[in-house]
Amino acid sequence: MSNSGVFNIDDINFLRDNQQYPSLGQLELIQTQTVSSVAAVDFSSIQESTYNVHFLTCDNVQAVSDGPILQIQFYENGTLETASVYDYARQYGNSAGTFGESRSSSSSVIEFLPNTGGSTNETSQGYAYLYNLGDATKYSFATFHSVAMNANPYFLMHFGSGVLQQASKVDGIRLKFSSGNIDTGTYSLYGIRFA
């Protein structure tokens, strides 16, 4: 009996149960890194030619000292972009009732996770969607949400977006604090299937 190439519902359910039948919008893990006492976390194999949208999660992120902000930078064709070519804007608030914004149209980073405590074990959590990274004809964008406890200790929330304001092929991602090392954290990068 020849294979007609048509799946019946039982075939599809079996393949889905075994994570062998792709669905549009499905998250596919590229890499998870659990780190301790590092200057930066790099994702150097992001499968940018396969995925047009990436999803980044950061869990239990802790700084060595109080107050730094976790930042995103991109690699373009293997070279880390550190020039003032990033724009970002974010809103923030805390449990003490303070609200505001932080923004830049000529930054060397995209500010991502809010300032966190470190000396008394406060942590940050957050996620970001990253768009167009592998498309050399488009700008690369990020949108993000995050929460944290700072050293006061106050609960903090941030949300915002950023862009690498030049069309280029992005093939890597760096996460680093504005000052000091990353003490701990688990960082996962996913691709989102759209075809």
C-alpha atoms as a PDB file:
ATOM      1  CA  MET A   1       0.000   0.000   0.000  1.00  0.00           C
ATOM      2  CA  SER A   2       1.494   3.320  -1.040  1.00  0.00           C
ATOM      3  CA  ASN A   3       1.720   6.332   1.244  1.00  0.00           C
ATOM      4  CA  SER A   4      -0.623   9.026  -0.036  1.00  0.00           C
ATOM      5  CA  GLY A   5       1.022  11.712   2.086  1.00  0.00           C
ATOM      6  CA  VAL A   6      -2.214  12.417   3.913  1.00  0.00           C
ATOM      7  CA  PHE A   7      -2.302  12.146   7.707  1.00  0.00           C
ATOM      8  CA  ASN A   8      -5.419  10.959   9.479  1.00  0.00           C
ATOM      9  CA  ILE A   9      -6.311  12.447  12.862  1.00  0.00           C
ATOM     10  CA  ASP A  10      -4.771   9.501  14.754  1.00  0.00           C
ATOM     11  CA  ASP A  11      -1.453  10.006  12.921  1.00  0.00           C
ATOM     12  CA  ILE A  12      -1.449  13.723  13.732  1.00  0.00           C
ATOM     13  CA  ASN A  13      -2.311  13.155  17.407  1.00  0.00           C
ATOM     14  CA  PHE A  14       0.454  10.549  17.724  1.00  0.00           C
ATOM     15  CA  LEU A  15       3.033  12.872  16.149  1.00  0.00           C
ATOM     16  CA  ARG A  16       1.916  15.824  18.315  1.00  0.00           C
ATOM     17  CA  ASP A  17       2.111  13.702  21.468  1.00  0.00           C
ATOM     18  CA  ASN A  18       5.707  12.862  20.538  1.00  0.00           C
ATOM     19  CA  GLN A  19       6.545  16.464  19.531  1.00  0.00           C
ATOM     20  CA  GLN A  20       7.154  15.418  15.925  1.00  0.00           C
ATOM     21  CA  TYR A  21       4.358  17.367  14.223  1.00  0.00           C
ATOM     22  CA  PRO A  22       5.157  21.069  13.976  1.00  0.00           C
ATOM     23  CA  SER A  23       2.460  23.639  14.650  1.00  0.00           C
ATOM     24  CA  LEU A  24       2.496  27.272  13.629  1.00  0.00           C
ATOM     25  CA  GLY A  25       3.492  29.464  16.561  1.00  0.00           C
ATOM     26  CA  GLN A  26       5.169  26.561  18.329  1.00  0.00           C
ATOM     27  CA  LEU A  27       8.155  27.320  20.585  1.00  0.00           C
ATOM     28  CA  GLU A  28      11.242  25.305  19.722  1.00  0.00           C
ATOM     29  CA  LEU A  29      14.121  25.378  22.205  1.00  0.00           C
ATOM     30  CA  ILE A  30      17.428  26.479  20.704  1.00  0.00           C
ATOM     31  CA  GLN A  31      19.554  26.644  23.868  1.00  0.00           C
ATOM     32  CA  THR A  32      19.346  26.958  27.660  1.00  0.00           C
ATOM     33  CA  GLN A  33      22.259  28.266  29.718  1.00  0.00           C
ATOM     34  CA  THR A  34      22.470  28.199  33.509  1.00  0.00           C
ATOM     35  CA  VAL A  35      25.377  30.391  34.553  1.00  0.00           C
ATOM     36  CA  SER A  36      27.320  31.398  37.623  1.00  0.00           C
ATOM     37  CA  SER A  37      29.722  34.358  37.955  1.00  0.00           C
ATOM     38  CA  VAL A  38      30.121  35.334  34.295  1.00  0.00           C
ATOM     39  CA  ALA A  39      30.638  38.701  32.620  1.00  0.00           C
ATOM     40  CA  ALA A  40      28.038  37.994  29.915  1.00  0.00           C
ATOM     41  CA  VAL A  41      25.753  35.342  28.449  1.00  0.00           C
ATOM     42  CA  ASP A  42      26.162  34.823  24.705  1.00  0.00           C
ATOM     43  CA  PHE A  43      23.861  32.959  22.346  1.00  0.00           C
ATOM     44  CA  SER A  44      26.075  32.388  19.315  1.00  0.00           C
ATOM     45  CA  SER A  45      23.987  29.845  17.404  1.00  0.00           C
ATOM     46  CA  ILE A  46      20.488  31.331  17.183  1.00  0.00           C
ATOM     47  CA  GLN A  47      19.316  29.596  13.967  1.00  0.00           C
ATOM     48  CA  GLU A  48      18.459  32.987  12.470  1.00  0.00           C
ATOM     49  CA  SER A  49      17.913  31.515   9.001  1.00  0.00           C
ATOM     50  CA  THR A  50      15.228  29.167  10.397  1.00  0.00           C
ATOM     51  CA  TYR A  51      13.338  31.530  12.712  1.00  0.00           C
ATOM     52  CA  ASN A  52      12.168  35.081  12.032  1.00  0.00           C
ATOM     53  CA  VAL A  53      10.899  35.464  15.620  1.00  0.00           C
ATOM     54  CA  HIS A  54      12.805  34.417  18.751  1.00  0.00           C
ATOM     55  CA  PHE A  55      11.633  34.214  22.368  1.00  0.00           C
ATOM     56  CA  LEU A  56      14.136  34.803  25.182  1.00  0.00           C
ATOM     57  CA  THR A  57      13.466  33.979  28.848  1.00  0.00           C
ATOM     58  CA  CYS A  58      15.567  34.982  31.859  1.00  0.00           C
ATOM     59  CA  ASP A  59      14.854  33.286  35.186  1.00  0.00           C
ATOM     60  CA  ASN A  60      16.287  33.958  38.667  1.00  0.00           C
ATOM     61  CA  VAL A  61      18.744  36.533  37.349  1.00  0.00           C
ATOM     62  CA  GLN A  62      20.962  37.911  40.065  1.00  0.00           C
ATOM     63  CA  ALA A  63      23.720  40.508  39.984  1.00  0.00           C
ATOM     64  CA  VAL A  64      26.901  40.437  42.035  1.00  0.00           C
ATOM     65  CA  SER A  65      26.111  43.913  43.419  1.00  0.00           C
ATOM     66  CA  ASP A  66      22.954  45.994  43.883  1.00  0.00           C
ATOM     67  CA  GLY A  67      21.448  48.121  41.152  1.00  0.00           C
ATOM     68  CA  PRO A  68      22.620  47.096  37.654  1.00  0.00           C
ATOM     69  CA  ILE A  69      20.286  46.623  34.666  1.00  0.00           C
ATOM     70  CA  LEU A  70      20.480  43.577  32.391  1.00  0.00           C
ATOM     71  CA  GLN A  71      21.078  44.704  28.815  1.00  0.00           C
ATOM     72  CA  ILE A  72      20.830  43.205  25.313  1.00  0.00           C
ATOM     73  CA  GLN A  73      23.330  43.612  22.479  1.00  0.00           C
ATOM     74  CA  PHE A  74      23.372  41.897  19.071  1.00  0.00           C
ATOM     75  CA  TYR A  75      26.091  40.238  17.027  1.00  0.00           C
ATOM     76  CA  GLU A  76      26.100  41.195  13.344  1.00  0.00           C
ATOM     77  CA  ASN A  77      27.804  38.570  11.188  1.00  0.00           C
ATOM     78  CA  GLY A  78      29.769  37.418  14.234  1.00  0.00           C
ATOM     79  CA  THR A  79      30.837  40.883  15.414  1.00  0.00           C
ATOM     80  CA  LEU A  80      29.350  42.339  18.591  1.00  0.00           C
ATOM     81  CA  GLU A  81      27.669  45.689  17.861  1.00  0.00           C
ATOM     82  CA  THR A  82      28.727  48.088  20.634  1.00  0.00           C
ATOM     83  CA  ALA A  83      28.247  51.441  18.872  1.00  0.00           C
ATOM     84  CA  SER A  84      25.438  53.874  19.762  1.00  0.00           C
ATOM     85  CA  VAL A  85      23.011  52.391  17.216  1.00  0.00           C
ATOM     86  CA  TYR A  86      20.290  51.061  19.534  1.00  0.00           C
ATOM     87  CA  ASP A  87      17.032  52.805  20.479  1.00  0.00           C
ATOM     88  CA  TYR A  88      14.890  51.734  23.415  1.00  0.00           C
ATOM     89  CA  ALA A  89      11.994  52.977  25.511  1.00  0.00           C
ATOM     90  CA  ARG A  90      10.626  51.392  28.661  1.00  0.00           C
ATOM     91  CA  GLN A  91       8.100  52.163  31.362  1.00  0.00           C
ATOM     92  CA  TYR A  92       8.695  51.169  34.965  1.00  0.00           C
ATOM     93  CA  GLY A  93       6.984  51.213  38.314  1.00  0.00           C
ATOM     94  CA  ASN A  94       7.576  49.941  41.836  1.00  0.00           C
ATOM     95  CA  SER A  95       5.596  48.983  44.912  1.00  0.00           C
ATOM     96  CA  ALA A  96       6.538  52.299  46.589  1.00  0.00           C
ATOM     97  CA  GLY A  97       4.363  54.078  44.026  1.00  0.00           C
ATOM     98  CA  THR A  98       7.120  55.488  41.824  1.00  0.00           C
ATOM     99  CA  PHE A  99       6.551  55.342  38.052  1.00  0.00           C
ATOM    100  CA  GLY A 100       8.535  56.663  35.144  1.00  0.00           C
ATOM    101  CA  GLU A 101      10.295  55.951  31.897  1.00  0.00           C
ATOM    102  CA  SER A 102      13.778  55.376  30.570  1.00  0.00           C
ATOM    103  CA  ARG A 103      14.624  55.899  26.898  1.00  0.00           C
ATOM    104  CA  SER A 104      17.446  56.558  24.485  1.00  0.00           C
ATOM    105  CA  SER A 105      17.763  57.156  20.757  1.00  0.00           C
ATOM    106  CA  SER A 106      21.531  56.601  20.700  1.00  0.00           C
ATOM    107  CA  SER A 107      22.448  53.835  23.116  1.00  0.00           C
ATOM    108  CA  SER A 108      25.062  51.082  22.908  1.00  0.00           C
ATOM    109  CA  VAL A 109      22.555  48.604  24.461  1.00  0.00           C
ATOM    110  CA  ILE A 110      18.863  47.857  24.851  1.00  0.00           C
ATOM    111  CA  GLU A 111      17.964  48.060  28.554  1.00  0.00           C
ATOM    112  CA  PHE A 112      15.971  44.946  29.439  1.00  0.00           C
ATOM    113  CA  LEU A 113      15.647  43.659  33.037  1.00  0.00           C
ATOM    114  CA  PRO A 114      15.189  46.286  35.791  1.00  0.00           C
ATOM    115  CA  ASN A 115      17.789  47.137  38.365  1.00  0.00           C
ATOM    116  CA  THR A 116      18.023  44.250  40.772  1.00  0.00           C
ATOM    117  CA  GLY A 117      19.406  43.658  44.216  1.00  0.00           C
ATOM    118  CA  GLY A 118      22.261  41.239  44.587  1.00  0.00           C
ATOM    119  CA  SER A 119      23.870  41.431  47.976  1.00  0.00           C
ATOM    120  CA  THR A 120      20.740  40.054  49.675  1.00  0.00           C
ATOM    121  CA  ASN A 121      19.709  37.579  46.948  1.00  0.00           C
ATOM    122  CA  GLU A 122      16.979  39.543  45.126  1.00  0.00           C
ATOM    123  CA  THR A 123      16.322  38.298  41.579  1.00  0.00           C
ATOM    124  CA  SER A 124      14.815  39.399  38.272  1.00  0.00           C
ATOM    125  CA  GLN A 125      12.690  37.500  35.760  1.00  0.00           C
ATOM    126  CA  GLY A 126      11.712  38.500  32.256  1.00  0.00           C
ATOM    127  CA  TYR A 127      11.075  37.627  28.651  1.00  0.00           C
ATOM    128  CA  ALA A 128      11.637  39.254  25.283  1.00  0.00           C
ATOM    129  CA  TYR A 129      10.394  38.666  21.752  1.00  0.00           C
ATOM    130  CA  LEU A 130      13.036  39.356  19.102  1.00  0.00           C
ATOM    131  CA  TYR A 131      12.055  40.035  15.475  1.00  0.00           C
ATOM    132  CA  ASN A 132      13.846  39.936  12.080  1.00  0.00           C
ATOM    133  CA  LEU A 133      17.227  38.921  13.497  1.00  0.00           C
ATOM    134  CA  GLY A 134      18.342  36.965  10.445  1.00  0.00           C
ATOM    135  CA  ASP A 135      17.002  39.342   7.797  1.00  0.00           C
ATOM    136  CA  ALA A 136      19.785  41.600   6.508  1.00  0.00           C
ATOM    137  CA  THR A 137      17.228  43.894   4.829  1.00  0.00           C
ATOM    138  CA  LYS A 138      15.360  44.797   8.041  1.00  0.00           C
ATOM    139  CA  TYR A 139      15.934  46.350  11.443  1.00  0.00           C
ATOM    140  CA  SER A 140      16.010  43.943  14.426  1.00  0.00           C
ATOM    141  CA  PHE A 141      13.386  44.686  17.093  1.00  0.00           C
ATOM    142  CA  ALA A 142      12.756  43.577  20.685  1.00  0.00           C
ATOM    143  CA  THR A 143       9.727  43.823  22.957  1.00  0.00           C
ATOM    144  CA  PHE A 144       9.997  42.802  26.601  1.00  0.00           C
ATOM    145  CA  HIS A 145       8.364  42.500  30.024  1.00  0.00           C
ATOM    146  CA  SER A 146      10.173  41.945  33.323  1.00  0.00           C
ATOM    147  CA  VAL A 147       9.811  41.995  37.098  1.00  0.00           C
ATOM    148  CA  ALA A 148      12.342  42.167  39.928  1.00  0.00           C
ATOM    149  CA  MET A 149      13.033  42.883  43.574  1.00  0.00           C
ATOM    150  CA  ASN A 150      15.598  45.577  44.246  1.00  0.00           C
ATOM    151  CA  ALA A 151      17.746  46.055  47.347  1.00  0.00           C
ATOM    152  CA  ASN A 152      15.232  48.344  49.153  1.00  0.00           C
ATOM    153  CA  PRO A 153      13.439  45.825  48.748  1.00  0.00           C
ATOM    154  CA  TYR A 154      10.732  47.067  46.358  1.00  0.00           C
ATOM    155  CA  PHE A 155       8.920  45.065  43.724  1.00  0.00           C
ATOM    156  CA  LEU A 156       9.634  46.468  40.239  1.00  0.00           C
ATOM    157  CA  MET A 157       7.990  46.010  36.853  1.00  0.00           C
ATOM    158  CA  HIS A 158       9.262  47.110  33.442  1.00  0.00           C
ATOM    159  CA  PHE A 159       7.969  46.810  29.900  1.00  0.00           C
ATOM    160  CA  GLY A 160       9.229  48.275  26.678  1.00  0.00           C
ATOM    161  CA  SER A 161      10.825  47.804  23.304  1.00  0.00           C
ATOM    162  CA  GLY A 162      14.060  48.415  21.450  1.00  0.00           C
ATOM    163  CA  VAL A 163      15.572  48.342  17.989  1.00  0.00           C
ATOM    164  CA  LEU A 164      18.947  48.004  16.316  1.00  0.00           C
ATOM    165  CA  GLN A 165      18.546  51.022  14.054  1.00  0.00           C
ATOM    166  CA  GLN A 166      20.314  49.622  11.017  1.00  0.00           C
ATOM    167  CA  ALA A 167      19.441  46.838   8.614  1.00  0.00           C
ATOM    168  CA  SER A 168      21.789  43.901   9.191  1.00  0.00           C
ATOM    169  CA  LYS A 169      21.913  40.166   9.722  1.00  0.00           C
ATOM    170  CA  VAL A 170      21.940  39.443  13.456  1.00  0.00           C
ATOM    171  CA  ASP A 171      23.404  36.027  14.245  1.00  0.00           C
ATOM    172  CA  GLY A 172      24.003  36.258  17.994  1.00  0.00           C
ATOM    173  CA  ILE A 173      22.735  37.791  21.226  1.00  0.00           C
ATOM    174  CA  ARG A 174      24.614  39.029  24.297  1.00  0.00           C
ATOM    175  CA  LEU A 175      23.151  39.657  27.767  1.00  0.00           C
ATOM    176  CA  LYS A 176      25.204  41.614  30.289  1.00  0.00           C
ATOM    177  CA  PHE A 177      24.726  43.860  33.293  1.00  0.00           C
ATOM    178  CA  SER A 178      25.318  47.599  33.123  1.00  0.00           C
ATOM    179  CA  SER A 179      28.018  47.049  35.756  1.00  0.00           C
ATOM    180  CA  GLY A 180      29.550  43.975  37.344  1.00  0.00           C
ATOM    181  CA  ASN A 181      29.127  40.294  36.628  1.00  0.00           C
ATOM    182  CA  ILE A 182      26.051  38.116  36.298  1.00  0.00           C
ATOM    183  CA  ASP A 183      26.043  36.093  39.518  1.00  0.00           C
ATOM    184  CA  THR A 184      23.364  33.522  38.590  1.00  0.00           C
ATOM    185  CA  GLY A 185      20.479  32.883  36.232  1.00  0.00           C
ATOM    186  CA  THR A 186      18.940  30.554  33.690  1.00  0.00           C
ATOM    187  CA  TYR A 187      18.601  31.907  30.148  1.00  0.00           C
ATOM    188  CA  SER A 188      16.680  30.138  27.368  1.00  0.00           C
ATOM    189  CA  LEU A 189      16.344  31.042  23.701  1.00  0.00           C
ATOM    190  CA  TYR A 190      13.517  29.641  21.537  1.00  0.00           C
ATOM    191  CA  GLY A 191      12.572  29.963  17.924  1.00  0.00           C
ATOM    192  CA  ILE A 192       8.904  30.428  16.996  1.00  0.00           C
ATOM    193  CA  ARG A 193       7.776  28.399  13.999  1.00  0.00           C
ATOM    194  CA  PHE A 194       5.736  30.287  11.408  1.00  0.00           C
ATOM    195  CA  ALA A 195       6.146  27.962   8.436  1.00  0.00           C
END
